[in-house]
Protein backbone atom coordinates (compact mmCIF):
# COMPACT_ATOMS: atom_id res chain seq x y z
CA MET A 1 98.86 93.63 36.25
CA THR A 2 100.61 94.12 39.47
CA THR A 3 104.02 92.84 40.58
CA LYS A 4 104.34 91.17 43.98
CA LEU A 5 107.57 90.24 45.71
CA VAL A 6 108.03 87.45 48.19
CA THR A 7 110.67 87.16 50.62
CA GLY A 8 111.46 83.71 51.80
CA ALA A 9 109.90 82.25 48.46
CA ALA A 10 111.65 78.91 48.99
CA GLY A 11 110.55 78.29 52.36
CA PHE A 12 107.56 76.42 53.75
CA ILE A 13 104.79 79.28 53.66
CA GLY A 14 106.48 81.32 51.02
CA SER A 15 106.60 78.22 48.33
CA HIS A 16 103.09 77.57 49.00
CA LEU A 17 102.04 81.14 48.87
CA CYS A 18 103.98 81.63 45.40
CA LYS A 19 102.37 78.46 43.96
CA LYS A 20 98.89 79.65 44.88
CA LEU A 21 99.44 83.16 43.52
CA LEU A 22 100.70 81.92 40.07
CA GLU A 23 97.50 79.69 40.12
CA LYS A 24 95.14 82.51 40.80
CA ASN A 25 96.01 85.28 38.60
CA ASP A 26 98.32 86.73 35.86
CA ASP A 27 100.62 88.92 37.92
CA ILE A 28 104.22 88.89 37.96
CA LEU A 29 105.74 87.26 41.04
CA ILE A 30 109.36 87.98 42.26
CA GLY A 31 110.83 85.60 44.85
CA ILE A 32 113.81 86.12 46.98
CA ASP A 33 115.47 83.62 49.18
CA ASN A 34 119.12 82.94 50.36
CA PHE A 35 118.62 79.40 51.14
CA ASP A 36 119.83 79.75 54.70
CA PRO A 37 121.53 76.35 56.06
CA TYR A 38 119.23 76.45 59.08
CA TYR A 39 117.69 73.36 57.60
CA ASP A 40 118.89 71.56 54.34
CA PRO A 41 118.76 73.99 51.28
CA ARG A 42 117.90 71.25 49.11
CA ILE A 43 114.64 70.94 50.76
CA LYS A 44 114.02 74.70 49.69
CA ARG A 45 115.51 74.21 46.40
CA GLU A 46 112.95 71.50 45.72
CA ASN A 47 110.12 73.69 46.84
CA ILE A 48 110.66 76.16 44.07
CA LYS A 49 111.62 73.89 41.48
CA GLN A 50 108.29 73.66 39.76
CA LEU A 51 107.63 77.48 40.36
CA GLN A 52 110.82 78.27 38.43
CA LYS A 53 109.20 76.71 35.40
CA ASN A 54 106.65 79.40 35.12
CA ASN A 55 107.74 82.46 32.77
CA ARG A 56 105.93 84.81 35.45
CA PHE A 57 108.19 83.87 38.36
CA ILE A 58 111.37 85.55 38.86
CA PHE A 59 113.74 84.48 41.35
CA TYR A 60 116.79 85.92 43.18
CA GLU A 61 118.98 84.19 45.41
CA GLU A 62 119.63 87.12 47.64
CA ASP A 63 119.95 87.77 51.44
CA VAL A 64 117.48 90.47 52.98
CA ARG A 65 120.36 91.75 55.11
CA ASN A 66 122.18 92.84 51.71
CA LYS A 67 120.30 96.26 51.11
CA ASP A 68 122.40 96.74 48.17
CA ASN A 69 121.63 93.78 46.35
CA LEU A 70 117.99 94.22 47.13
CA MET A 71 118.00 97.73 45.79
CA ASN A 72 119.28 96.19 42.64
CA VAL A 73 116.10 93.86 42.49
CA PHE A 74 113.87 96.98 42.82
CA LYS A 75 115.83 98.66 40.06
CA LYS A 76 115.30 95.97 37.89
CA ASN A 77 111.56 95.51 38.40
CA LYS A 78 108.48 97.93 39.38
CA VAL A 79 107.28 95.99 42.44
CA ASP A 80 103.69 97.10 43.68
CA GLN A 81 103.45 94.80 46.71
CA ILE A 82 105.86 93.03 49.11
CA ILE A 83 105.11 89.97 51.32
CA HIS A 84 107.99 89.64 53.50
CA LEU A 85 108.19 86.17 55.06
CA ALA A 86 112.12 85.73 55.23
CA ALA A 87 113.18 85.30 58.80
CA ARG A 88 115.42 83.23 61.01
CA ALA A 89 112.93 80.95 62.66
CA GLY A 90 112.86 78.79 65.67
CA VAL A 91 111.91 79.54 69.17
CA ARG A 92 114.57 77.39 70.95
CA PRO A 93 117.47 78.04 68.83
CA SER A 94 117.07 81.77 69.35
CA ILE A 95 117.93 81.51 72.83
CA GLU A 96 121.28 79.88 72.00
CA ASN A 97 122.17 82.35 69.13
CA PRO A 98 119.91 85.45 69.76
CA THR A 99 122.55 87.84 67.73
CA ILE A 100 121.56 86.13 64.21
CA TYR A 101 117.93 86.69 64.99
CA GLU A 102 118.39 90.36 65.36
CA ASP A 103 120.36 90.47 62.09
CA VAL A 104 118.27 88.57 59.91
CA ASN A 105 114.85 89.44 61.32
CA ILE A 106 115.23 93.19 62.54
CA LYS A 107 118.02 94.38 59.93
CA GLY A 108 116.19 92.37 57.15
CA THR A 109 112.93 93.88 57.71
CA LEU A 110 114.28 97.19 58.18
CA ASN A 111 116.08 97.15 54.68
CA LEU A 112 112.50 96.23 53.10
CA LEU A 113 110.78 98.90 54.99
CA GLU A 114 113.56 101.57 53.70
CA ILE A 115 113.44 100.19 50.12
CA SER A 116 109.34 100.32 50.44
CA LYS A 117 109.61 104.18 51.47
CA THR A 118 111.96 104.79 48.35
CA TYR A 119 109.93 102.88 45.79
CA ASP A 120 106.37 103.78 46.93
CA ILE A 121 105.18 100.29 47.68
CA GLU A 122 101.32 100.18 47.72
CA ASN A 123 101.07 97.23 50.19
CA PHE A 124 103.52 95.87 52.50
CA VAL A 125 102.39 92.46 54.27
CA PHE A 126 104.82 91.35 57.24
CA GLY A 127 104.69 87.81 58.42
CA SER A 128 104.86 87.92 62.31
CA SER A 129 104.28 85.34 64.70
CA SER A 130 101.88 84.29 67.65
CA SER A 131 105.05 83.88 69.84
CA VAL A 132 104.79 87.66 70.27
CA TYR A 133 102.10 87.11 72.91
CA GLY A 134 104.57 85.50 75.09
CA ILE A 135 103.19 84.88 78.76
CA ASN A 136 99.88 86.44 78.03
CA LYS A 137 97.46 84.74 80.35
CA LYS A 138 94.34 86.11 78.42
CA ILE A 139 92.82 83.54 76.15
CA PRO A 140 92.13 83.62 73.25
CA PHE A 141 94.82 86.12 72.18
CA SER A 142 93.59 89.25 70.75
CA GLU A 143 95.36 91.88 68.69
CA ASN A 144 94.33 94.30 71.52
CA ASP A 145 96.39 92.45 74.26
CA SER A 146 99.58 93.71 75.45
CA VAL A 147 102.56 92.11 73.77
CA ASP A 148 105.28 93.68 76.10
CA LYS A 149 106.48 90.24 77.60
CA PRO A 150 108.25 88.23 74.91
CA ILE A 151 109.92 85.07 76.37
CA SER A 152 112.40 84.25 73.56
CA PRO A 153 114.72 86.29 71.14
CA TYR A 154 112.65 85.24 68.42
CA ALA A 155 109.47 86.50 69.55
CA ALA A 156 111.23 89.59 70.59
CA SER A 157 112.73 90.09 67.06
CA LYS A 158 109.20 89.71 65.51
CA ARG A 159 107.59 92.16 67.94
CA SER A 160 110.39 94.50 67.11
CA CYS A 161 109.44 94.07 63.54
CA GLU A 162 105.98 94.82 64.01
CA LEU A 163 107.04 98.20 65.79
CA PHE A 164 109.32 99.03 62.98
CA CYS A 165 106.37 98.61 60.55
CA PHE A 166 104.35 100.86 62.52
CA THR A 167 106.91 103.37 62.51
CA TYR A 168 107.54 103.50 58.73
CA HIS A 169 103.58 103.67 58.32
CA TYR A 170 103.32 106.65 60.68
CA LEU A 171 106.52 108.42 58.95
CA TYR A 172 105.93 107.67 55.55
CA GLU A 173 102.41 106.57 55.16
CA LEU A 174 103.42 103.09 54.23
CA PRO A 175 100.27 100.86 54.13
CA VAL A 176 101.30 97.78 56.30
CA SER A 177 99.51 94.49 57.61
CA CYS A 178 101.11 92.50 60.16
CA LEU A 179 99.98 88.76 60.02
CA ARG A 180 100.59 86.87 63.53
CA PHE A 181 100.59 83.15 62.17
CA PHE A 182 99.71 80.40 64.66
CA THR A 183 101.70 77.28 64.40
CA VAL A 184 101.55 76.63 60.67
CA TYR A 185 101.78 72.98 59.45
CA GLY A 186 101.11 70.97 56.52
CA PRO A 187 103.20 69.50 53.59
CA CYS A 188 106.51 70.65 53.04
CA GLN A 189 106.74 71.84 56.71
CA ARG A 190 110.34 72.30 58.12
CA PRO A 191 111.73 69.31 59.13
CA GLU A 192 112.60 70.22 62.59
CA MET A 193 109.06 71.32 63.32
CA ALA A 194 106.73 69.20 65.70
CA ILE A 195 104.41 67.46 63.28
CA HIS A 196 106.85 66.81 60.56
CA LYS A 197 109.39 65.47 62.97
CA PHE A 198 106.80 63.35 64.95
CA ILE A 199 105.55 61.83 61.82
CA ARG A 200 109.13 60.96 60.47
CA LEU A 201 110.18 59.41 63.88
CA ILE A 202 106.99 57.64 64.58
CA ASP A 203 107.14 56.26 61.20
CA ASN A 204 110.89 54.98 61.62
CA ASN A 205 110.04 53.60 65.20
CA LYS A 206 112.22 56.17 66.75
CA THR A 207 111.79 57.73 70.24
CA ILE A 208 110.06 61.26 70.09
CA GLU A 209 110.71 63.77 72.84
CA MET A 210 107.84 65.25 74.49
CA TYR A 211 108.49 68.31 76.69
CA GLY A 212 106.26 68.54 79.57
CA ASP A 213 103.29 66.05 80.38
CA GLY A 214 101.64 66.58 77.33
CA THR A 215 99.17 68.96 77.98
CA THR A 216 100.51 72.06 76.50
CA LYS A 217 98.01 73.33 73.90
CA ARG A 218 98.69 74.80 70.36
CA ASP A 219 96.39 76.45 68.09
CA TYR A 220 97.72 74.52 64.92
CA THR A 221 96.95 76.15 61.42
CA TYR A 222 97.14 74.34 58.22
CA ILE A 223 99.04 75.94 55.39
CA ASP A 224 96.14 76.36 52.94
CA ASP A 225 94.44 78.67 55.50
CA ILE A 226 97.45 80.78 56.13
CA VAL A 227 97.94 81.27 52.39
CA ASP A 228 94.34 81.88 52.01
CA GLY A 229 94.34 84.69 54.76
CA ILE A 230 97.51 86.24 53.01
CA ILE A 231 95.98 86.61 49.74
CA LYS A 232 92.88 88.03 51.19
CA CYS A 233 95.04 90.52 52.98
CA LEU A 234 96.83 91.38 49.62
CA LYS A 235 93.38 92.48 48.24
CA LYS A 236 92.83 95.05 51.16
CA ARG A 237 94.80 98.16 51.53
CA PHE A 238 94.97 99.22 55.32
CA ASN A 239 96.68 102.06 56.85
CA PHE A 240 98.30 99.79 59.60
CA GLU A 241 96.65 96.65 60.92
CA ILE A 242 97.74 93.49 62.90
CA PHE A 243 95.83 90.38 62.27
CA ASN A 244 95.80 86.84 64.03
CA LEU A 245 95.66 84.18 61.43
CA GLY A 246 95.08 80.87 63.33
CA GLU A 247 92.77 77.97 63.45
CA SER A 248 90.92 79.30 66.59
CA LYS A 249 90.82 75.94 68.22
CA VAL A 250 93.53 74.48 70.69
CA VAL A 251 94.80 70.98 70.30
CA GLU A 252 96.74 69.46 73.29
CA LEU A 253 99.91 67.78 72.53
CA ARG A 254 99.05 64.13 73.56
CA TYR A 255 95.83 64.36 71.15
CA LEU A 256 98.03 65.67 68.26
CA ILE A 257 100.47 62.71 68.88
CA SER A 258 97.56 60.46 68.90
CA LEU A 259 96.21 61.57 65.49
CA ILE A 260 99.66 60.87 63.90
CA GLU A 261 99.56 57.60 65.36
CA LYS A 262 96.15 56.63 63.89
CA GLU A 263 97.10 57.85 60.35
CA LEU A 264 100.48 56.13 60.43
CA ASP A 265 98.84 53.28 62.12
CA LYS A 266 102.00 53.06 64.55
CA LYS A 267 102.47 53.68 68.17
CA ALA A 268 104.82 56.39 69.23
CA ILE A 269 107.77 55.73 71.47
CA ILE A 270 107.74 58.70 73.95
CA LYS A 271 110.56 60.24 76.05
CA GLN A 272 109.19 62.74 78.45
CA LEU A 273 111.43 65.70 79.10
CA PRO A 274 111.20 68.94 81.16
CA GLU A 275 109.35 71.98 79.60
CA GLN A 276 111.83 74.04 77.51
CA PRO A 277 112.71 77.75 78.13
CA GLY A 278 110.98 79.94 75.67
CA ASP A 279 107.93 77.63 75.28
CA VAL A 280 104.52 78.81 76.34
CA PRO A 281 101.64 76.67 77.80
CA ILE A 282 99.04 77.59 75.16
CA THR A 283 98.44 79.57 72.00
CA TYR A 284 94.75 80.40 71.20
CA ALA A 285 93.89 82.79 68.36
CA ASP A 286 91.06 85.25 68.53
CA ILE A 287 90.43 85.50 64.79
CA SER A 288 87.26 87.74 65.03
CA LYS A 289 89.13 90.70 63.46
CA ALA A 290 90.69 88.97 60.58
CA GLN A 291 86.97 87.34 59.95
CA LYS A 292 85.51 90.87 59.83
CA MET A 293 88.13 93.02 58.11
CA ILE A 294 89.54 90.29 55.49
CA GLU A 295 86.90 87.71 55.60
CA TYR A 296 89.33 85.09 56.92
CA LYS A 297 87.88 81.52 57.19
CA PRO A 298 89.99 78.70 58.06
CA LYS A 299 88.43 75.49 56.80
CA THR A 300 90.96 72.73 57.72
CA THR A 301 90.34 70.73 61.13
CA ILE A 302 93.50 69.42 62.94
CA GLU A 303 92.05 65.90 61.95
CA GLN A 304 91.97 66.76 58.31
CA GLY A 305 95.23 68.55 58.41
CA ILE A 306 97.18 65.53 60.00
CA LYS A 307 95.69 63.28 57.35
CA LYS A 308 96.69 65.28 54.69
CA THR A 309 100.34 66.03 56.03
CA VAL A 310 100.74 62.25 56.63
CA GLN A 311 99.63 61.48 53.12
CA TRP A 312 102.17 63.83 51.55
CA TYR A 313 104.73 62.33 53.95
CA ASN A 314 103.97 58.82 52.53
CA GLU A 315 103.80 59.99 48.78
CA TYR A 316 106.99 62.10 48.75
CA MET A 317 109.19 61.98 51.80
CA LYS A 318 109.66 58.33 51.85
CA LYS A 319 110.95 58.55 48.33
CA ARG A 320 113.92 60.72 49.45
């Protein structure tokens, strides 16, 4: 039996991961979250309500920036593996308030790396982001590509964390995997993210804002595929590796909107705005490395994923 610690456990990806881990095995699971008010904390509390009924789930309301409090969690529990997902999210907000991204993302990650060194953690999995590729012109994006041109403080903070992860592997032989997530979506997605926001606004006959002419492309990855990739990575122990976790298909923004319109049986009211600073024209994952080394295999098409997400919205969000 192993004990896994998940930071950001009440968030979108974290809560889905915790649910799947509790279903799959008999390990002890420790969740950490500070219910940051970046979006309504009541959503995150709802995310873990069912998890807290499981006696193998131990939850601490803590902030990864508070190293002393984190140390107390490790003193009370023998932790074997860490999945570090806690972060200040959002590309555009990071341009408005960059210092909090340095504080939460970099300092929080450093605290966990320091603790990992002290407590001899056997596997450290870090949740990174496709945003680190910045204005990379080569597609699809490969883990071997240069990532020295991030175009938002959020992206820069995630790349900084990857570098610190390598440093701690090099100095202390900490086994680390950095997972670059590509536009994750699905049930319980953060309310300000495009797909969730578009569904809500279109359903309520409100205007959606489309930045640019609708030709920007994203590699949208359904939450179940991301969770599967994380779990497969946990089963391996690498010295230091970086993996892209994406769908490895690109979807144009206008087509994405049309899928939501189809599932809601409503027409979107669109207001076209200029492209936003920090946004990139395309994200596209080369997943061949993850396929080979961790047997990662995304299964959910964008059409299937949007259908499932709209079903969740109709079943749960309309009742709130």
